[in-house]
Amino acid sequence: DFKKNCLDNQIRLQTVLEIPYFDGDFWPIMIENNIEKLDQEDRRKQEAEDLHDSIQSDIQLNCYSNLDFIYYFNLDFRCNICRQQCDIRYHCTKCEDFDPCEKHYNTELKHKHNMERRIS
């Protein structure tokens, strides 16, 4: 039996090309199908790795650009009245973006909400 002979001699075969082939045999077709499946799996794995690398690269790029953005804005506080950069400012606890400098906090009319003193 050819199938039994191939399975018994499987250990001695070094490559697929060493399997005897007769026109119309079932085994070569099966082997070709399995090789094609393995190639497809390899391609899918490679595509998944490429996608992972691409996503990771995008994440790293976005993280670094956002860090620059955060770093810039955290160091650059400007008074909402005079627009001067200030190290000591007062932040309104209710308003979304109201940060007068110390000079304007002390000299201007009092703001209607509570203010927190912040030092950058």
PDB file of N, CA and C in Angstrom:
ATOM      1  N   ASP A   1       0.849  -1.182   0.000  1.00  0.00           N
ATOM      2  CA  ASP A   1       0.000   0.000   0.000  1.00  0.00           C
ATOM      3  C   ASP A   1       0.894   1.245   0.000  1.00  0.00           C
ATOM      4  N   PHE A   2       0.669   2.131  -0.958  1.00  0.00           N
ATOM      5  CA  PHE A   2       1.516   3.312  -1.139  1.00  0.00           C
ATOM      6  C   PHE A   2       1.455   4.247   0.072  1.00  0.00           C
ATOM      7  N   LYS A   3       0.246   4.474   0.593  1.00  0.00           N
ATOM      8  CA  LYS A   3       0.074   5.372   1.741  1.00  0.00           C
ATOM      9  C   LYS A   3       0.848   4.852   2.944  1.00  0.00           C
ATOM     10  N   LYS A   4       0.709   3.554   3.228  1.00  0.00           N
ATOM     11  CA  LYS A   4       1.412   2.963   4.369  1.00  0.00           C
ATOM     12  C   LYS A   4       2.919   3.053   4.154  1.00  0.00           C
ATOM     13  N   ASN A   5       3.381   2.815   2.944  1.00  0.00           N
ATOM     14  CA  ASN A   5       4.797   2.889   2.625  1.00  0.00           C
ATOM     15  C   ASN A   5       5.325   4.310   2.863  1.00  0.00           C
ATOM     16  N   CYS A   6       4.570   5.328   2.441  1.00  0.00           N
ATOM     17  CA  CYS A   6       4.992   6.725   2.647  1.00  0.00           C
ATOM     18  C   CYS A   6       5.049   7.053   4.130  1.00  0.00           C
ATOM     19  N   LEU A   7       4.038   6.607   4.865  1.00  0.00           N
ATOM     20  CA  LEU A   7       4.014   6.897   6.301  1.00  0.00           C
ATOM     21  C   LEU A   7       5.139   6.170   7.027  1.00  0.00           C
ATOM     22  N   ASP A   8       5.429   4.923   6.621  1.00  0.00           N
ATOM     23  CA  ASP A   8       6.511   4.164   7.247  1.00  0.00           C
ATOM     24  C   ASP A   8       7.870   4.793   6.943  1.00  0.00           C
ATOM     25  N   ASN A   9       8.039   5.312   5.745  1.00  0.00           N
ATOM     26  CA  ASN A   9       9.320   5.883   5.331  1.00  0.00           C
ATOM     27  C   ASN A   9       9.411   7.390   5.595  1.00  0.00           C
ATOM     28  N   GLN A  10       8.453   7.914   6.273  1.00  0.00           N
ATOM     29  CA  GLN A  10       8.371   9.354   6.520  1.00  0.00           C
ATOM     30  C   GLN A  10       9.630   9.891   7.203  1.00  0.00           C
ATOM     31  N   ILE A  11      10.211   9.142   8.096  1.00  0.00           N
ATOM     32  CA  ILE A  11      11.382   9.592   8.842  1.00  0.00           C
ATOM     33  C   ILE A  11      12.582   9.773   7.917  1.00  0.00           C
ATOM     34  N   ARG A  12      12.710   8.924   6.920  1.00  0.00           N
ATOM     35  CA  ARG A  12      13.869   8.986   6.035  1.00  0.00           C
ATOM     36  C   ARG A  12      13.765  10.095   4.990  1.00  0.00           C
ATOM     37  N   LEU A  13      12.573  10.609   4.729  1.00  0.00           N
ATOM     38  CA  LEU A  13      12.403  11.642   3.716  1.00  0.00           C
ATOM     39  C   LEU A  13      12.921  12.967   4.254  1.00  0.00           C
ATOM     40  N   GLN A  14      13.713  13.648   3.444  1.00  0.00           N
ATOM     41  CA  GLN A  14      14.284  14.929   3.850  1.00  0.00           C
ATOM     42  C   GLN A  14      13.465  16.104   3.336  1.00  0.00           C
ATOM     43  N   THR A  15      12.873  15.956   2.158  1.00  0.00           N
ATOM     44  CA  THR A  15      12.074  17.031   1.579  1.00  0.00           C
ATOM     45  C   THR A  15      10.820  16.441   0.957  1.00  0.00           C
ATOM     46  N   VAL A  16       9.883  17.326   0.660  1.00  0.00           N
ATOM     47  CA  VAL A  16       8.647  16.908   0.005  1.00  0.00           C
ATOM     48  C   VAL A  16       8.938  16.335  -1.375  1.00  0.00           C
ATOM     49  N   LEU A  17       9.991  16.825  -1.996  1.00  0.00           N
ATOM     50  CA  LEU A  17      10.318  16.378  -3.349  1.00  0.00           C
ATOM     51  C   LEU A  17      10.720  14.910  -3.400  1.00  0.00           C
ATOM     52  N   GLU A  18      11.070  14.321  -2.269  1.00  0.00           N
ATOM     53  CA  GLU A  18      11.487  12.918  -2.243  1.00  0.00           C
ATOM     54  C   GLU A  18      10.310  11.954  -2.233  1.00  0.00           C
ATOM     55  N   ILE A  19       9.092  12.466  -2.022  1.00  0.00           N
ATOM     56  CA  ILE A  19       7.924  11.582  -2.021  1.00  0.00           C
ATOM     57  C   ILE A  19       7.630  11.182  -3.467  1.00  0.00           C
ATOM     58  N   PRO A  20       7.459   9.881  -3.711  1.00  0.00           N
ATOM     59  CA  PRO A  20       7.169   9.445  -5.077  1.00  0.00           C
ATOM     60  C   PRO A  20       5.839  10.026  -5.551  1.00  0.00           C
ATOM     61  N   TYR A  21       5.799  10.406  -6.811  1.00  0.00           N
ATOM     62  CA  TYR A  21       4.605  11.031  -7.363  1.00  0.00           C
ATOM     63  C   TYR A  21       4.149  10.267  -8.596  1.00  0.00           C
ATOM     64  N   PHE A  22       2.858   9.981  -8.606  1.00  0.00           N
ATOM     65  CA  PHE A  22       2.242   9.371  -9.781  1.00  0.00           C
ATOM     66  C   PHE A  22       1.074  10.254 -10.185  1.00  0.00           C
ATOM     67  N   ASP A  23       0.897  10.454 -11.454  1.00  0.00           N
ATOM     68  CA  ASP A  23      -0.160  11.338 -11.945  1.00  0.00           C
ATOM     69  C   ASP A  23      -1.510  10.923 -11.365  1.00  0.00           C
ATOM     70  N   GLY A  24      -2.214  11.897 -10.754  1.00  0.00           N
ATOM     71  CA  GLY A  24      -3.517  11.622 -10.159  1.00  0.00           C
ATOM     72  C   GLY A  24      -3.441  11.209  -8.701  1.00  0.00           C
ATOM     73  N   ASP A  25      -2.243  11.147  -8.138  1.00  0.00           N
ATOM     74  CA  ASP A  25      -2.116  10.775  -6.722  1.00  0.00           C
ATOM     75  C   ASP A  25      -2.785  11.810  -5.823  1.00  0.00           C
ATOM     76  N   PHE A  26      -3.328  11.317  -4.729  1.00  0.00           N
ATOM     77  CA  PHE A  26      -3.989  12.167  -3.748  1.00  0.00           C
ATOM     78  C   PHE A  26      -2.973  12.878  -2.857  1.00  0.00           C
ATOM     79  N   TRP A  27      -1.887  12.219  -2.527  1.00  0.00           N
ATOM     80  CA  TRP A  27      -0.913  12.760  -1.567  1.00  0.00           C
ATOM     81  C   TRP A  27      -0.265  14.065  -2.013  1.00  0.00           C
ATOM     82  N   PRO A  28       0.224  14.175  -3.235  1.00  0.00           N
ATOM     83  CA  PRO A  28       0.837  15.454  -3.627  1.00  0.00           C
ATOM     84  C   PRO A  28      -0.138  16.626  -3.537  1.00  0.00           C
ATOM     85  N   ILE A  29      -1.401  16.376  -3.896  1.00  0.00           N
ATOM     86  CA  ILE A  29      -2.403  17.443  -3.803  1.00  0.00           C
ATOM     87  C   ILE A  29      -2.589  17.852  -2.346  1.00  0.00           C
ATOM     88  N   MET A  30      -2.660  16.853  -1.465  1.00  0.00           N
ATOM     89  CA  MET A  30      -2.810  17.136  -0.036  1.00  0.00           C
ATOM     90  C   MET A  30      -1.605  17.914   0.494  1.00  0.00           C
ATOM     91  N   ILE A  31      -0.422  17.491   0.071  1.00  0.00           N
ATOM     92  CA  ILE A  31       0.803  18.163   0.512  1.00  0.00           C
ATOM     93  C   ILE A  31       0.819  19.602   0.005  1.00  0.00           C
ATOM     94  N   GLU A  32       0.453  19.792  -1.266  1.00  0.00           N
ATOM     95  CA  GLU A  32       0.412  21.146  -1.820  1.00  0.00           C
ATOM     96  C   GLU A  32      -0.583  22.016  -1.056  1.00  0.00           C
ATOM     97  N   ASN A  33      -1.742  21.439  -0.719  1.00  0.00           N
ATOM     98  CA  ASN A  33      -2.742  22.189   0.054  1.00  0.00           C
ATOM     99  C   ASN A  33      -2.202  22.566   1.435  1.00  0.00           C
ATOM    100  N   ASN A  34      -1.514  21.621   2.068  1.00  0.00           N
ATOM    101  CA  ASN A  34      -0.944  21.910   3.390  1.00  0.00           C
ATOM    102  C   ASN A  34       0.152  22.970   3.310  1.00  0.00           C
ATOM    103  N   ILE A  35       0.976  22.888   2.266  1.00  0.00           N
ATOM    104  CA  ILE A  35       2.023  23.905   2.079  1.00  0.00           C
ATOM    105  C   ILE A  35       1.376  25.273   1.859  1.00  0.00           C
ATOM    106  N   GLU A  36       0.307  25.303   1.068  1.00  0.00           N
ATOM    107  CA  GLU A  36      -0.398  26.566   0.820  1.00  0.00           C
ATOM    108  C   GLU A  36      -0.984  27.121   2.125  1.00  0.00           C
ATOM    109  N   LYS A  37      -1.557  26.229   2.945  1.00  0.00           N
ATOM    110  CA  LYS A  37      -2.096  26.670   4.242  1.00  0.00           C
ATOM    111  C   LYS A  37      -0.990  27.231   5.128  1.00  0.00           C
ATOM    112  N   LEU A  38       0.159  26.554   5.148  1.00  0.00           N
ATOM    113  CA  LEU A  38       1.284  27.044   5.952  1.00  0.00           C
ATOM    114  C   LEU A  38       1.764  28.403   5.450  1.00  0.00           C
ATOM    115  N   ASP A  39       1.822  28.556   4.125  1.00  0.00           N
ATOM    116  CA  ASP A  39       2.220  29.846   3.551  1.00  0.00           C
ATOM    117  C   ASP A  39       1.231  30.942   3.934  1.00  0.00           C
ATOM    118  N   GLN A  40      -0.066  30.610   3.899  1.00  0.00           N
ATOM    119  CA  GLN A  40      -1.087  31.589   4.283  1.00  0.00           C
ATOM    120  C   GLN A  40      -0.941  31.968   5.758  1.00  0.00           C
ATOM    121  N   GLU A  41      -0.679  30.973   6.607  1.00  0.00           N
ATOM    122  CA  GLU A  41      -0.479  31.253   8.033  1.00  0.00           C
ATOM    123  C   GLU A  41       0.737  32.149   8.243  1.00  0.00           C
ATOM    124  N   ASP A  42       1.821  31.841   7.512  1.00  0.00           N
ATOM    125  CA  ASP A  42       3.024  32.680   7.616  1.00  0.00           C
ATOM    126  C   ASP A  42       2.734  34.111   7.171  1.00  0.00           C
ATOM    127  N   ARG A  43       1.978  34.237   6.072  1.00  0.00           N
ATOM    128  CA  ARG A  43       1.630  35.585   5.582  1.00  0.00           C
ATOM    129  C   ARG A  43       0.773  36.322   6.609  1.00  0.00           C
ATOM    130  N   ARG A  44      -0.215  35.620   7.196  1.00  0.00           N
ATOM    131  CA  ARG A  44      -1.070  36.254   8.206  1.00  0.00           C
ATOM    132  C   ARG A  44      -0.266  36.664   9.430  1.00  0.00           C
ATOM    133  N   LYS A  45       0.654  35.804   9.858  1.00  0.00           N
ATOM    134  CA  LYS A  45       1.504  36.150  11.004  1.00  0.00           C
ATOM    135  C   LYS A  45       2.358  37.369  10.689  1.00  0.00           C
ATOM    136  N   GLN A  46       2.918  37.410   9.494  1.00  0.00           N
ATOM    137  CA  GLN A  46       3.749  38.544   9.092  1.00  0.00           C
ATOM    138  C   GLN A  46       2.914  39.821   9.010  1.00  0.00           C
ATOM    139  N   GLU A  47       1.711  39.709   8.445  1.00  0.00           N
ATOM    140  CA  GLU A  47       0.831  40.881   8.366  1.00  0.00           C
ATOM    141  C   GLU A  47       0.456  41.366   9.762  1.00  0.00           C
ATOM    142  N   ALA A  48       0.184  40.423  10.678  1.00  0.00           N
ATOM    143  CA  ALA A  48      -0.160  40.797  12.052  1.00  0.00           C
ATOM    144  C   ALA A  48       1.027  41.478  12.736  1.00  0.00           C
ATOM    145  N   GLU A  49       2.230  40.944  12.531  1.00  0.00           N
ATOM    146  CA  GLU A  49       3.428  41.570  13.110  1.00  0.00           C
ATOM    147  C   GLU A  49       3.650  42.961  12.531  1.00  0.00           C
ATOM    148  N   ASP A  50       3.465  43.099  11.217  1.00  0.00           N
ATOM    149  CA  ASP A  50       3.626  44.410  10.576  1.00  0.00           C
ATOM    150  C   ASP A  50       2.608  45.410  11.117  1.00  0.00           C
ATOM    151  N   LEU A  51       1.362  44.951  11.275  1.00  0.00           N
ATOM    152  CA  LEU A  51       0.318  45.823  11.814  1.00  0.00           C
ATOM    153  C   LEU A  51       0.644  46.220  13.247  1.00  0.00           C
ATOM    154  N   HIS A  52       1.083  45.253  14.046  1.00  0.00           N
ATOM    155  CA  HIS A  52       1.461  45.526  15.435  1.00  0.00           C
ATOM    156  C   HIS A  52       2.589  46.545  15.492  1.00  0.00           C
ATOM    157  N   ASP A  53       3.612  46.350  14.662  1.00  0.00           N
ATOM    158  CA  ASP A  53       4.741  47.289  14.630  1.00  0.00           C
ATOM    159  C   ASP A  53       4.283  48.682  14.216  1.00  0.00           C
ATOM    160  N   SER A  54       3.394  48.730  13.235  1.00  0.00           N
ATOM    161  CA  SER A  54       2.884  50.016  12.757  1.00  0.00           C
ATOM    162  C   SER A  54       2.090  50.728  13.848  1.00  0.00           C
ATOM    163  N   ILE A  55       1.222  49.990  14.531  1.00  0.00           N
ATOM    164  CA  ILE A  55       0.420  50.578  15.609  1.00  0.00           C
ATOM    165  C   ILE A  55       1.316  51.032  16.743  1.00  0.00           C
ATOM    166  N   GLN A  56       2.275  50.198  17.119  1.00  0.00           N
ATOM    167  CA  GLN A  56       3.187  50.555  18.203  1.00  0.00           C
ATOM    168  C   GLN A  56       3.998  51.797  17.833  1.00  0.00           C
ATOM    169  N   SER A  57       4.429  51.872  16.592  1.00  0.00           N
ATOM    170  CA  SER A  57       5.173  53.037  16.126  1.00  0.00           C
ATOM    171  C   SER A  57       4.303  54.290  16.205  1.00  0.00           C
ATOM    172  N   ASP A  58       3.041  54.172  15.764  1.00  0.00           N
ATOM    173  CA  ASP A  58       2.121  55.314  15.829  1.00  0.00           C
ATOM    174  C   ASP A  58       1.879  55.743  17.273  1.00  0.00           C
ATOM    175  N   ILE A  59       1.708  54.770  18.160  1.00  0.00           N
ATOM    176  CA  ILE A  59       1.478  55.087  19.572  1.00  0.00           C
ATOM    177  C   ILE A  59       2.683  55.807  20.149  1.00  0.00           C
ATOM    178  N   GLN A  60       3.882  55.293  19.871  1.00  0.00           N
ATOM    179  CA  GLN A  60       5.087  55.940  20.388  1.00  0.00           C
ATOM    180  C   GLN A  60       5.224  57.351  19.843  1.00  0.00           C
ATOM    181  N   LEU A  61       4.974  57.520  18.560  1.00  0.00           N
ATOM    182  CA  LEU A  61       5.071  58.845  17.947  1.00  0.00           C
ATOM    183  C   LEU A  61       4.070  59.804  18.584  1.00  0.00           C
ATOM    184  N   ASN A  62       2.829  59.341  18.768  1.00  0.00           N
ATOM    185  CA  ASN A  62       1.805  60.194  19.375  1.00  0.00           C
ATOM    186  C   ASN A  62       2.126  60.511  20.823  1.00  0.00           C
ATOM    187  N   CYS A  63       2.645  59.535  21.553  1.00  0.00           N
ATOM    188  CA  CYS A  63       3.005  59.779  22.954  1.00  0.00           C
ATOM    189  C   CYS A  63       4.084  60.843  23.044  1.00  0.00           C
ATOM    190  N   TYR A  64       5.120  60.710  22.237  1.00  0.00           N
ATOM    191  CA  TYR A  64       6.214  61.678  22.301  1.00  0.00           C
ATOM    192  C   TYR A  64       5.761  63.062  21.865  1.00  0.00           C
ATOM    193  N   SER A  65       4.932  63.143  20.833  1.00  0.00           N
ATOM    194  CA  SER A  65       4.472  64.465  20.397  1.00  0.00           C
ATOM    195  C   SER A  65       3.546  65.072  21.445  1.00  0.00           C
ATOM    196  N   ASN A  66       2.727  64.241  22.106  1.00  0.00           N
ATOM    197  CA  ASN A  66       1.863  64.758  23.165  1.00  0.00           C
ATOM    198  C   ASN A  66       2.672  65.184  24.377  1.00  0.00           C
ATOM    199  N   LEU A  67       3.756  64.473  24.665  1.00  0.00           N
ATOM    200  CA  LEU A  67       4.607  64.877  25.784  1.00  0.00           C
ATOM    201  C   LEU A  67       5.204  66.250  25.527  1.00  0.00           C
ATOM    202  N   ASP A  68       5.640  66.489  24.301  1.00  0.00           N
ATOM    203  CA  ASP A  68       6.159  67.815  23.955  1.00  0.00           C
ATOM    204  C   ASP A  68       5.083  68.868  24.139  1.00  0.00           C
ATOM    205  N   PHE A  69       3.887  68.545  23.702  1.00  0.00           N
ATOM    206  CA  PHE A  69       2.759  69.457  23.813  1.00  0.00           C
ATOM    207  C   PHE A  69       2.457  69.757  25.283  1.00  0.00           C
ATOM    208  N   ILE A  70       2.375  68.724  26.109  1.00  0.00           N
ATOM    209  CA  ILE A  70       2.093  68.892  27.537  1.00  0.00           C
ATOM    210  C   ILE A  70       3.225  69.653  28.213  1.00  0.00           C
ATOM    211  N   TYR A  71       4.444  69.294  27.886  1.00  0.00           N
ATOM    212  CA  TYR A  71       5.597  69.962  28.477  1.00  0.00           C
ATOM    213  C   TYR A  71       5.559  71.457  28.164  1.00  0.00           C
ATOM    214  N   TYR A  72       5.270  71.791  26.938  1.00  0.00           N
ATOM    215  CA  TYR A  72       5.230  73.194  26.521  1.00  0.00           C
ATOM    216  C   TYR A  72       4.144  73.950  27.283  1.00  0.00           C
ATOM    217  N   PHE A  73       2.955  73.388  27.337  1.00  0.00           N
ATOM    218  CA  PHE A  73       1.846  74.114  27.951  1.00  0.00           C
ATOM    219  C   PHE A  73       1.900  74.113  29.471  1.00  0.00           C
ATOM    220  N   ASN A  74       2.520  73.133  30.066  1.00  0.00           N
ATOM    221  CA  ASN A  74       2.637  73.146  31.520  1.00  0.00           C
ATOM    222  C   ASN A  74       3.658  74.163  32.000  1.00  0.00           C
ATOM    223  N   LEU A  75       4.601  74.533  31.179  1.00  0.00           N
ATOM    224  CA  LEU A  75       5.611  75.506  31.588  1.00  0.00           C
ATOM    225  C   LEU A  75       5.244  76.932  31.203  1.00  0.00           C
ATOM    226  N   ASP A  76       4.313  77.085  30.319  1.00  0.00           N
ATOM    227  CA  ASP A  76       4.026  78.399  29.769  1.00  0.00           C
ATOM    228  C   ASP A  76       2.665  78.897  30.248  1.00  0.00           C
ATOM    229  N   PHE A  77       2.589  79.364  31.509  1.00  0.00           N
ATOM    230  CA  PHE A  77       1.348  79.931  32.017  1.00  0.00           C
ATOM    231  C   PHE A  77       1.325  81.408  31.714  1.00  0.00           C
ATOM    232  N   ARG A  78       0.216  81.856  31.189  1.00  0.00           N
ATOM    233  CA  ARG A  78       0.076  83.270  30.843  1.00  0.00           C
ATOM    234  C   ARG A  78      -1.146  83.836  31.548  1.00  0.00           C
ATOM    235  N   CYS A  79      -0.985  85.040  32.006  1.00  0.00           N
ATOM    236  CA  CYS A  79      -2.070  85.758  32.663  1.00  0.00           C
ATOM    237  C   CYS A  79      -3.173  86.015  31.638  1.00  0.00           C
ATOM    238  N   ASN A  80      -4.424  85.799  32.041  1.00  0.00           N
ATOM    239  CA  ASN A  80      -5.543  86.038  31.131  1.00  0.00           C
ATOM    240  C   ASN A  80      -5.825  87.527  30.929  1.00  0.00           C
ATOM    241  N   ILE A  81      -5.226  88.369  31.736  1.00  0.00           N
ATOM    242  CA  ILE A  81      -5.467  89.806  31.616  1.00  0.00           C
ATOM    243  C   ILE A  81      -4.353  90.477  30.818  1.00  0.00           C
ATOM    244  N   CYS A  82      -3.107  90.316  31.250  1.00  0.00           N
ATOM    245  CA  CYS A  82      -1.988  90.995  30.574  1.00  0.00           C
ATOM    246  C   CYS A  82      -1.257  90.109  29.568  1.00  0.00           C
ATOM    247  N   ARG A  83      -1.544  88.797  29.539  1.00  0.00           N
ATOM    248  CA  ARG A  83      -0.933  87.826  28.619  1.00  0.00           C
ATOM    249  C   ARG A  83       0.561  87.623  28.846  1.00  0.00           C
ATOM    250  N   GLN A  84       1.066  88.061  29.981  1.00  0.00           N
ATOM    251  CA  GLN A  84       2.475  87.860  30.315  1.00  0.00           C
ATOM    252  C   GLN A  84       2.652  86.477  30.939  1.00  0.00           C
ATOM    253  N   GLN A  85       3.811  85.878  30.682  1.00  0.00           N
ATOM    254  CA  GLN A  85       4.119  84.596  31.301  1.00  0.00           C
ATOM    255  C   GLN A  85       4.284  84.824  32.798  1.00  0.00           C
ATOM    256  N   CYS A  86       3.747  83.905  33.600  1.00  0.00           N
ATOM    257  CA  CYS A  86       3.826  84.098  35.052  1.00  0.00           C
ATOM    258  C   CYS A  86       4.152  82.785  35.750  1.00  0.00           C
ATOM    259  N   ASP A  87       4.958  82.883  36.794  1.00  0.00           N
ATOM    260  CA  ASP A  87       5.298  81.715  37.608  1.00  0.00           C
ATOM    261  C   ASP A  87       4.290  81.523  38.732  1.00  0.00           C
ATOM    262  N   ILE A  88       3.803  82.627  39.268  1.00  0.00           N
ATOM    263  CA  ILE A  88       2.779  82.569  40.312  1.00  0.00           C
ATOM    264  C   ILE A  88       1.487  83.085  39.699  1.00  0.00           C
ATOM    265  N   ARG A  89       0.466  82.279  39.791  1.00  0.00           N
ATOM    266  CA  ARG A  89      -0.819  82.673  39.227  1.00  0.00           C
ATOM    267  C   ARG A  89      -1.929  82.220  40.148  1.00  0.00           C
ATOM    268  N   TYR A  90      -3.106  82.685  39.874  1.00  0.00           N
ATOM    269  CA  TYR A  90      -4.283  82.303  40.644  1.00  0.00           C
ATOM    270  C   TYR A  90      -5.272  81.674  39.677  1.00  0.00           C
ATOM    271  N   HIS A  91      -5.755  80.520  40.058  1.00  0.00           N
ATOM    272  CA  HIS A  91      -6.637  79.756  39.173  1.00  0.00           C
ATOM    273  C   HIS A  91      -8.038  79.737  39.763  1.00  0.00           C
ATOM    274  N   CYS A  92      -9.026  80.093  38.932  1.00  0.00           N
ATOM    275  CA  CYS A  92     -10.419  80.078  39.370  1.00  0.00           C
ATOM    276  C   CYS A  92     -10.888  78.630  39.486  1.00  0.00           C
ATOM    277  N   THR A  93     -11.557  78.310  40.586  1.00  0.00           N
ATOM    278  CA  THR A  93     -12.024  76.936  40.810  1.00  0.00           C
ATOM    279  C   THR A  93     -13.302  76.625  40.039  1.00  0.00           C
ATOM    280  N   LYS A  94     -13.970  77.646  39.512  1.00  0.00           N
ATOM    281  CA  LYS A  94     -15.231  77.439  38.785  1.00  0.00           C
ATOM    282  C   LYS A  94     -15.085  77.672  37.283  1.00  0.00           C
ATOM    283  N   CYS A  95     -14.411  78.733  36.916  1.00  0.00           N
ATOM    284  CA  CYS A  95     -14.258  79.056  35.488  1.00  0.00           C
ATOM    285  C   CYS A  95     -13.298  78.063  34.835  1.00  0.00           C
ATOM    286  N   GLU A  96     -13.554  77.761  33.588  1.00  0.00           N
ATOM    287  CA  GLU A  96     -12.734  76.765  32.901  1.00  0.00           C
ATOM    288  C   GLU A  96     -11.305  77.239  32.680  1.00  0.00           C
ATOM    289  N   ASP A  97     -11.142  78.495  32.302  1.00  0.00           N
ATOM    290  CA  ASP A  97      -9.797  78.980  32.002  1.00  0.00           C
ATOM    291  C   ASP A  97      -9.664  80.448  32.409  1.00  0.00           C
ATOM    292  N   PHE A  98      -9.435  80.644  33.675  1.00  0.00           N
ATOM    293  CA  PHE A  98      -9.183  82.006  34.159  1.00  0.00           C
ATOM    294  C   PHE A  98      -8.029  81.938  35.143  1.00  0.00           C
ATOM    295  N   ASP A  99      -6.870  82.482  34.732  1.00  0.00           N
ATOM    296  CA  ASP A  99      -5.647  82.422  35.529  1.00  0.00           C
ATOM    297  C   ASP A  99      -4.940  83.776  35.515  1.00  0.00           C
ATOM    298  N   PRO A 100      -5.337  84.700  36.367  1.00  0.00           N
ATOM    299  CA  PRO A 100      -4.614  85.983  36.409  1.00  0.00           C
ATOM    300  C   PRO A 100      -3.274  85.828  37.124  1.00  0.00           C
ATOM    301  N   CYS A 101      -2.345  86.683  36.761  1.00  0.00           N
ATOM    302  CA  CYS A 101      -1.048  86.683  37.448  1.00  0.00           C
ATOM    303  C   CYS A 101      -1.227  87.300  38.841  1.00  0.00           C
ATOM    304  N   GLU A 102      -0.194  87.227  39.634  1.00  0.00           N
ATOM    305  CA  GLU A 102      -0.269  87.732  41.005  1.00  0.00           C
ATOM    306  C   GLU A 102      -0.553  89.234  41.028  1.00  0.00           C
ATOM    307  N   LYS A 103       0.075  89.951  40.139  1.00  0.00           N
ATOM    308  CA  LYS A 103      -0.116  91.411  40.070  1.00  0.00           C
ATOM    309  C   LYS A 103      -1.589  91.756  39.825  1.00  0.00           C
ATOM    310  N   HIS A 104      -2.205  91.112  38.848  1.00  0.00           N
ATOM    311  CA  HIS A 104      -3.597  91.413  38.527  1.00  0.00           C
ATOM    312  C   HIS A 104      -4.558  90.835  39.556  1.00  0.00           C
ATOM    313  N   TYR A 105      -4.199  89.769  40.170  1.00  0.00           N
ATOM    314  CA  TYR A 105      -5.040  89.221  41.234  1.00  0.00           C
ATOM    315  C   TYR A 105      -5.132  90.215  42.390  1.00  0.00           C
ATOM    316  N   ASN A 106      -4.020  90.869  42.714  1.00  0.00           N
ATOM    317  CA  ASN A 106      -3.986  91.806  43.837  1.00  0.00           C
ATOM    318  C   ASN A 106      -4.554  93.183  43.484  1.00  0.00           C
ATOM    319  N   THR A 107      -4.505  93.573  42.232  1.00  0.00           N
ATOM    320  CA  THR A 107      -4.906  94.937  41.872  1.00  0.00           C
ATOM    321  C   THR A 107      -6.284  95.033  41.232  1.00  0.00           C
ATOM    322  N   GLU A 108      -6.719  94.015  40.528  1.00  0.00           N
ATOM    323  CA  GLU A 108      -8.013  94.072  39.845  1.00  0.00           C
ATOM    324  C   GLU A 108      -9.145  93.838  40.835  1.00  0.00           C
ATOM    325  N   LEU A 109     -10.353  94.102  40.351  1.00  0.00           N
ATOM    326  CA  LEU A 109     -11.525  93.812  41.169  1.00  0.00           C
ATOM    327  C   LEU A 109     -11.544  92.318  41.484  1.00  0.00           C
ATOM    328  N   LYS A 110     -12.036  91.998  42.644  1.00  0.00           N
ATOM    329  CA  LYS A 110     -12.052  90.589  43.054  1.00  0.00           C
ATOM    330  C   LYS A 110     -12.957  89.764  42.140  1.00  0.00           C
ATOM    331  N   HIS A 111     -12.471  88.617  41.792  1.00  0.00           N
ATOM    332  CA  HIS A 111     -13.227  87.682  40.962  1.00  0.00           C
ATOM    333  C   HIS A 111     -14.354  87.096  41.808  1.00  0.00           C
ATOM    334  N   LYS A 112     -15.472  86.756  41.192  1.00  0.00           N
ATOM    335  CA  LYS A 112     -16.645  86.307  41.947  1.00  0.00           C
ATOM    336  C   LYS A 112     -16.524  84.885  42.498  1.00  0.00           C
ATOM    337  N   HIS A 113     -15.563  84.077  42.000  1.00  0.00           N
ATOM    338  CA  HIS A 113     -15.378  82.700  42.487  1.00  0.00           C
ATOM    339  C   HIS A 113     -14.114  82.603  43.335  1.00  0.00           C
ATOM    340  N   ASN A 114     -13.992  81.467  44.011  1.00  0.00           N
ATOM    341  CA  ASN A 114     -12.772  81.220  44.788  1.00  0.00           C
ATOM    342  C   ASN A 114     -11.588  81.026  43.848  1.00  0.00           C
ATOM    343  N   MET A 115     -10.435  81.491  44.290  1.00  0.00           N
ATOM    344  CA  MET A 115      -9.206  81.383  43.498  1.00  0.00           C
ATOM    345  C   MET A 115      -8.169  80.598  44.300  1.00  0.00           C
ATOM    346  N   GLU A 116      -7.421  79.755  43.594  1.00  0.00           N
ATOM    347  CA  GLU A 116      -6.326  78.996  44.220  1.00  0.00           C
ATOM    348  C   GLU A 116      -5.003  79.560  43.730  1.00  0.00           C
ATOM    349  N   ARG A 117      -4.084  79.716  44.646  1.00  0.00           N
ATOM    350  CA  ARG A 117      -2.746  80.195  44.278  1.00  0.00           C
ATOM    351  C   ARG A 117      -1.943  79.002  43.765  1.00  0.00           C
ATOM    352  N   ARG A 118      -1.319  79.159  42.628  1.00  0.00           N
ATOM    353  CA  ARG A 118      -0.516  78.079  42.042  1.00  0.00           C
ATOM    354  C   ARG A 118       0.841  78.621  41.632  1.00  0.00           C
ATOM    355  N   ILE A 119       1.840  77.777  41.847  1.00  0.00           N
ATOM    356  CA  ILE A 119       3.211  78.136  41.473  1.00  0.00           C
ATOM    357  C   ILE A 119       3.698  77.113  40.460  1.00  0.00           C
ATOM    358  N   SER A 120       4.229  77.601  39.356  1.00  0.00           N
ATOM    359  CA  SER A 120       4.716  76.660  38.339  1.00  0.00           C
ATOM    360  C   SER A 120       6.199  76.465  38.450  1.00  0.00           C
TER     361      SER A 120
END
